[in-house]
């Protein structure tokens, strides 16, 4: 678990089942809040509810739970990340919200 600032707000990032359970069931200590829908998009998993949420979640789960999924995802995403980081290095100062929306 670690603290950071995401989308302009203080955030806690958790990544183990035990810590997730602790945070999600500690309503008095932690506030569950999603990032801005404008930033994530109207069809993001954080913005949709009910059957639409289940459909989007299933699409995401099916896409990443295949044996070769991480290899395929990394091969697709890594060149884009490298290009973006190089572009940002040349820019010097960036607006994270604008760059994230791209």
N, C-alpha and C. Protein backbone atom coordinates (compact mmCIF):
# COMPACT_ATOMS: atom_id res chain seq x y z
N UNK A 1 0.86 -1.15 0.00
CA UNK A 1 0.00 0.00 0.00
C UNK A 1 0.91 1.22 0.00
N UNK A 2 0.52 2.24 -0.81
CA UNK A 2 1.26 3.48 -0.77
C UNK A 2 0.34 4.65 -1.09
N UNK A 3 0.76 5.83 -0.64
CA UNK A 3 -0.01 7.05 -0.87
C UNK A 3 0.60 7.82 -2.03
N UNK A 4 -0.26 8.46 -2.80
CA UNK A 4 0.19 9.29 -3.91
C UNK A 4 -0.89 10.30 -4.22
N UNK A 5 -0.73 11.05 -5.27
CA UNK A 5 -1.77 11.95 -5.76
C UNK A 5 -2.08 11.54 -7.20
N UNK A 6 -3.32 11.18 -7.45
CA UNK A 6 -3.77 10.84 -8.79
C UNK A 6 -4.93 11.74 -9.16
N UNK A 7 -4.91 12.24 -10.38
CA UNK A 7 -5.99 13.08 -10.88
C UNK A 7 -6.24 14.27 -9.96
N UNK A 8 -5.15 14.78 -9.36
CA UNK A 8 -5.24 15.96 -8.51
C UNK A 8 -5.79 15.72 -7.12
N UNK A 9 -5.91 14.46 -6.70
CA UNK A 9 -6.45 14.16 -5.38
C UNK A 9 -5.54 13.17 -4.65
N UNK A 10 -5.46 13.28 -3.32
CA UNK A 10 -4.69 12.28 -2.57
C UNK A 10 -5.30 10.90 -2.79
N UNK A 11 -4.45 9.91 -3.00
CA UNK A 11 -4.94 8.56 -3.30
C UNK A 11 -4.11 7.52 -2.57
N UNK A 12 -4.74 6.40 -2.27
CA UNK A 12 -4.05 5.25 -1.70
C UNK A 12 -4.13 4.13 -2.71
N UNK A 13 -3.00 3.56 -3.05
CA UNK A 13 -2.93 2.46 -4.01
C UNK A 13 -2.69 1.18 -3.22
N UNK A 14 -3.55 0.20 -3.42
CA UNK A 14 -3.40 -1.09 -2.75
C UNK A 14 -3.36 -2.18 -3.81
N UNK A 15 -2.61 -3.24 -3.55
CA UNK A 15 -2.43 -4.25 -4.58
C UNK A 15 -2.35 -5.68 -4.06
N UNK A 16 -2.79 -5.91 -2.85
CA UNK A 16 -2.88 -7.29 -2.37
C UNK A 16 -4.32 -7.53 -1.90
N UNK A 17 -4.79 -8.75 -1.98
CA UNK A 17 -6.17 -9.04 -1.57
C UNK A 17 -6.46 -8.63 -0.12
N UNK A 18 -5.53 -8.89 0.78
CA UNK A 18 -5.77 -8.58 2.19
C UNK A 18 -5.90 -7.07 2.41
N UNK A 19 -5.03 -6.30 1.78
CA UNK A 19 -5.10 -4.85 1.94
C UNK A 19 -6.33 -4.29 1.24
N UNK A 20 -6.67 -4.83 0.06
CA UNK A 20 -7.89 -4.40 -0.63
C UNK A 20 -9.10 -4.61 0.27
N UNK A 21 -9.19 -5.76 0.89
CA UNK A 21 -10.32 -6.06 1.78
C UNK A 21 -10.34 -5.09 2.96
N UNK A 22 -9.18 -4.83 3.54
CA UNK A 22 -9.11 -3.90 4.66
C UNK A 22 -9.61 -2.51 4.26
N UNK A 23 -9.13 -2.01 3.14
CA UNK A 23 -9.51 -0.68 2.68
C UNK A 23 -10.98 -0.62 2.30
N UNK A 24 -11.45 -1.60 1.53
CA UNK A 24 -12.83 -1.57 1.06
C UNK A 24 -13.86 -1.74 2.17
N UNK A 25 -13.47 -2.40 3.26
CA UNK A 25 -14.41 -2.60 4.37
C UNK A 25 -14.18 -1.64 5.52
N UNK A 26 -13.31 -0.66 5.36
CA UNK A 26 -13.05 0.34 6.40
C UNK A 26 -13.65 1.68 5.97
N UNK A 27 -14.97 1.74 5.95
CA UNK A 27 -15.65 2.96 5.49
C UNK A 27 -15.28 4.19 6.31
N UNK A 28 -15.00 4.00 7.59
CA UNK A 28 -14.70 5.16 8.43
C UNK A 28 -13.29 5.70 8.19
N UNK A 29 -12.38 4.86 7.70
CA UNK A 29 -10.99 5.27 7.50
C UNK A 29 -10.68 5.69 6.07
N UNK A 30 -11.40 5.12 5.10
CA UNK A 30 -11.10 5.36 3.69
C UNK A 30 -12.37 5.71 2.93
N UNK A 31 -12.23 6.61 1.98
CA UNK A 31 -13.36 7.00 1.14
C UNK A 31 -13.10 6.47 -0.26
N UNK A 32 -14.01 5.63 -0.77
CA UNK A 32 -13.87 5.10 -2.11
C UNK A 32 -14.40 6.12 -3.11
N UNK A 33 -13.54 6.58 -3.99
CA UNK A 33 -13.93 7.60 -4.95
C UNK A 33 -13.22 7.35 -6.27
N UNK A 34 -13.96 7.36 -7.35
CA UNK A 34 -13.39 7.13 -8.67
C UNK A 34 -12.90 8.44 -9.26
N UNK A 35 -11.91 8.38 -10.16
CA UNK A 35 -11.48 9.60 -10.86
C UNK A 35 -12.62 10.16 -11.71
N UNK A 36 -12.43 11.36 -12.14
CA UNK A 36 -13.42 12.08 -12.94
C UNK A 36 -13.86 11.28 -14.17
N UNK A 37 -15.15 11.20 -14.38
CA UNK A 37 -15.70 10.49 -15.54
C UNK A 37 -15.25 11.18 -16.83
N UNK A 38 -15.10 12.51 -16.79
CA UNK A 38 -14.64 13.23 -17.98
C UNK A 38 -13.25 12.75 -18.39
N UNK A 39 -12.43 12.39 -17.41
CA UNK A 39 -11.08 11.94 -17.69
C UNK A 39 -11.06 10.50 -18.19
N UNK A 40 -11.88 9.64 -17.59
CA UNK A 40 -11.89 8.22 -17.94
C UNK A 40 -12.76 7.89 -19.14
N UNK A 41 -13.82 8.68 -19.35
CA UNK A 41 -14.73 8.42 -20.47
C UNK A 41 -16.04 7.82 -19.99
N UNK A 42 -17.09 8.08 -20.75
CA UNK A 42 -18.45 7.66 -20.38
C UNK A 42 -18.63 6.15 -20.39
N UNK A 43 -17.80 5.43 -21.13
CA UNK A 43 -17.97 3.97 -21.21
C UNK A 43 -16.91 3.23 -20.39
N UNK A 44 -16.17 3.94 -19.54
CA UNK A 44 -15.17 3.27 -18.71
C UNK A 44 -15.86 2.42 -17.65
N UNK A 45 -15.13 1.48 -17.12
CA UNK A 45 -15.71 0.57 -16.11
C UNK A 45 -16.15 1.34 -14.87
N UNK A 46 -15.52 2.49 -14.59
CA UNK A 46 -15.90 3.29 -13.44
C UNK A 46 -17.19 4.07 -13.67
N UNK A 47 -17.59 4.26 -14.92
CA UNK A 47 -18.74 5.11 -15.23
C UNK A 47 -20.02 4.33 -15.46
N UNK A 48 -19.91 3.06 -15.80
CA UNK A 48 -21.12 2.29 -16.13
C UNK A 48 -21.55 1.44 -14.95
N UNK A 49 -22.84 1.11 -14.91
CA UNK A 49 -23.39 0.36 -13.80
C UNK A 49 -24.28 -0.78 -14.32
N UNK A 50 -24.58 -1.72 -13.45
CA UNK A 50 -25.51 -2.80 -13.78
C UNK A 50 -24.97 -3.73 -14.86
N UNK A 51 -25.84 -4.03 -15.83
CA UNK A 51 -25.47 -4.97 -16.91
C UNK A 51 -24.31 -4.44 -17.75
N UNK A 52 -24.28 -3.13 -17.98
CA UNK A 52 -23.19 -2.54 -18.77
C UNK A 52 -21.86 -2.72 -18.05
N UNK A 53 -21.86 -2.55 -16.73
CA UNK A 53 -20.64 -2.74 -15.94
C UNK A 53 -20.17 -4.20 -16.04
N UNK A 54 -21.10 -5.12 -15.92
CA UNK A 54 -20.76 -6.55 -16.03
C UNK A 54 -20.18 -6.86 -17.39
N UNK A 55 -20.76 -6.31 -18.44
CA UNK A 55 -20.27 -6.55 -19.80
C UNK A 55 -18.85 -6.01 -19.98
N UNK A 56 -18.62 -4.77 -19.54
CA UNK A 56 -17.29 -4.17 -19.68
C UNK A 56 -16.28 -4.95 -18.84
N UNK A 57 -16.64 -5.30 -17.61
CA UNK A 57 -15.74 -6.07 -16.75
C UNK A 57 -15.39 -7.41 -17.38
N UNK A 58 -16.37 -8.08 -17.95
CA UNK A 58 -16.12 -9.37 -18.59
C UNK A 58 -15.20 -9.23 -19.80
N UNK A 59 -15.39 -8.17 -20.58
CA UNK A 59 -14.50 -7.93 -21.73
C UNK A 59 -13.06 -7.72 -21.26
N UNK A 60 -12.89 -6.93 -20.21
CA UNK A 60 -11.55 -6.67 -19.68
C UNK A 60 -10.94 -7.96 -19.13
N UNK A 61 -11.71 -8.68 -18.33
CA UNK A 61 -11.21 -9.92 -17.72
C UNK A 61 -10.84 -10.94 -18.78
N UNK A 62 -11.70 -11.12 -19.76
CA UNK A 62 -11.41 -12.10 -20.83
C UNK A 62 -10.17 -11.70 -21.62
N UNK A 63 -9.97 -10.41 -21.81
CA UNK A 63 -8.82 -9.96 -22.59
C UNK A 63 -7.50 -10.17 -21.86
N UNK A 64 -7.50 -10.04 -20.53
CA UNK A 64 -6.23 -10.13 -19.83
C UNK A 64 -5.98 -11.48 -19.16
N UNK A 65 -6.95 -12.35 -19.13
CA UNK A 65 -6.76 -13.64 -18.47
C UNK A 65 -6.29 -14.76 -19.39
N UNK A 66 -6.03 -14.47 -20.61
CA UNK A 66 -5.50 -15.48 -21.53
C UNK A 66 -4.01 -15.64 -21.29
N UNK A 67 -3.46 -16.84 -21.54
CA UNK A 67 -2.04 -17.09 -21.24
C UNK A 67 -1.08 -16.11 -21.93
N UNK A 68 -1.35 -15.73 -23.14
CA UNK A 68 -0.42 -14.86 -23.85
C UNK A 68 -0.81 -13.38 -23.77
N UNK A 69 -1.78 -13.06 -22.93
CA UNK A 69 -2.33 -11.70 -22.90
C UNK A 69 -1.28 -10.66 -22.52
N UNK A 70 -0.52 -10.90 -21.47
CA UNK A 70 0.45 -9.89 -21.03
C UNK A 70 1.51 -9.65 -22.09
N UNK A 71 1.93 -10.70 -22.77
CA UNK A 71 2.91 -10.54 -23.84
C UNK A 71 2.35 -9.68 -24.96
N UNK A 72 1.11 -9.96 -25.36
CA UNK A 72 0.48 -9.19 -26.43
C UNK A 72 0.24 -7.74 -26.00
N UNK A 73 -0.23 -7.56 -24.78
CA UNK A 73 -0.50 -6.21 -24.29
C UNK A 73 0.80 -5.41 -24.21
N UNK A 74 1.86 -6.02 -23.66
CA UNK A 74 3.14 -5.32 -23.55
C UNK A 74 3.69 -4.95 -24.92
N UNK A 75 3.58 -5.87 -25.87
CA UNK A 75 4.09 -5.59 -27.22
C UNK A 75 3.33 -4.44 -27.87
N UNK A 76 2.07 -4.29 -27.56
CA UNK A 76 1.25 -3.22 -28.12
C UNK A 76 1.47 -1.89 -27.39
N UNK A 77 1.53 -1.95 -26.08
CA UNK A 77 1.56 -0.73 -25.27
C UNK A 77 2.96 -0.14 -25.12
N UNK A 78 3.97 -0.99 -24.99
CA UNK A 78 5.31 -0.49 -24.69
C UNK A 78 5.82 0.55 -25.70
N UNK A 79 5.72 0.33 -27.01
CA UNK A 79 6.20 1.37 -27.93
C UNK A 79 5.47 2.70 -27.77
N UNK A 80 4.19 2.64 -27.46
CA UNK A 80 3.42 3.87 -27.25
C UNK A 80 3.88 4.59 -25.99
N UNK A 81 4.15 3.81 -24.94
CA UNK A 81 4.63 4.42 -23.69
C UNK A 81 5.99 5.06 -23.89
N UNK A 82 6.88 4.38 -24.56
CA UNK A 82 8.22 4.91 -24.81
C UNK A 82 8.12 6.20 -25.62
N UNK A 83 7.29 6.20 -26.65
CA UNK A 83 7.11 7.40 -27.48
C UNK A 83 6.55 8.56 -26.66
N UNK A 84 5.58 8.28 -25.82
CA UNK A 84 4.99 9.34 -24.99
C UNK A 84 6.03 9.89 -24.01
N UNK A 85 6.79 9.01 -23.37
CA UNK A 85 7.80 9.47 -22.42
C UNK A 85 8.88 10.29 -23.11
N UNK A 86 9.28 9.90 -24.29
CA UNK A 86 10.27 10.69 -25.05
C UNK A 86 9.70 12.06 -25.40
N UNK A 87 8.45 12.08 -25.82
CA UNK A 87 7.79 13.34 -26.15
C UNK A 87 7.72 14.24 -24.92
N UNK A 88 7.36 13.67 -23.78
CA UNK A 88 7.26 14.45 -22.55
C UNK A 88 8.62 14.98 -22.13
N UNK A 89 9.67 14.17 -22.30
CA UNK A 89 11.02 14.62 -21.93
C UNK A 89 11.41 15.84 -22.76
N UNK A 90 11.02 15.87 -24.02
CA UNK A 90 11.34 17.01 -24.88
C UNK A 90 10.52 18.24 -24.52
N UNK A 91 9.30 18.01 -24.02
CA UNK A 91 8.43 19.13 -23.67
C UNK A 91 8.89 19.83 -22.39
N UNK A 92 9.57 19.09 -21.53
CA UNK A 92 10.01 19.67 -20.26
C UNK A 92 8.91 19.62 -19.22
N UNK A 93 7.92 20.47 -19.35
CA UNK A 93 6.81 20.53 -18.41
C UNK A 93 5.54 20.11 -19.14
N UNK A 94 4.75 19.23 -18.50
CA UNK A 94 3.52 18.75 -19.14
C UNK A 94 2.33 18.98 -18.24
N UNK A 95 1.16 19.00 -18.85
CA UNK A 95 -0.11 19.02 -18.12
C UNK A 95 -0.61 17.58 -18.13
N UNK A 96 -0.55 16.92 -16.97
CA UNK A 96 -0.88 15.50 -16.89
C UNK A 96 -2.30 15.19 -17.35
N UNK A 97 -3.26 16.07 -17.04
CA UNK A 97 -4.64 15.83 -17.43
C UNK A 97 -4.76 15.82 -18.96
N UNK A 98 -4.15 16.80 -19.60
CA UNK A 98 -4.21 16.89 -21.06
C UNK A 98 -3.52 15.68 -21.69
N UNK A 99 -2.36 15.32 -21.20
CA UNK A 99 -1.62 14.19 -21.76
C UNK A 99 -2.34 12.87 -21.53
N UNK A 100 -3.00 12.73 -20.37
CA UNK A 100 -3.75 11.50 -20.09
C UNK A 100 -4.93 11.37 -21.02
N UNK A 101 -5.58 12.48 -21.32
CA UNK A 101 -6.73 12.46 -22.23
C UNK A 101 -6.32 12.03 -23.64
N UNK A 102 -5.08 12.30 -24.02
CA UNK A 102 -4.62 11.89 -25.35
C UNK A 102 -4.55 10.39 -25.43
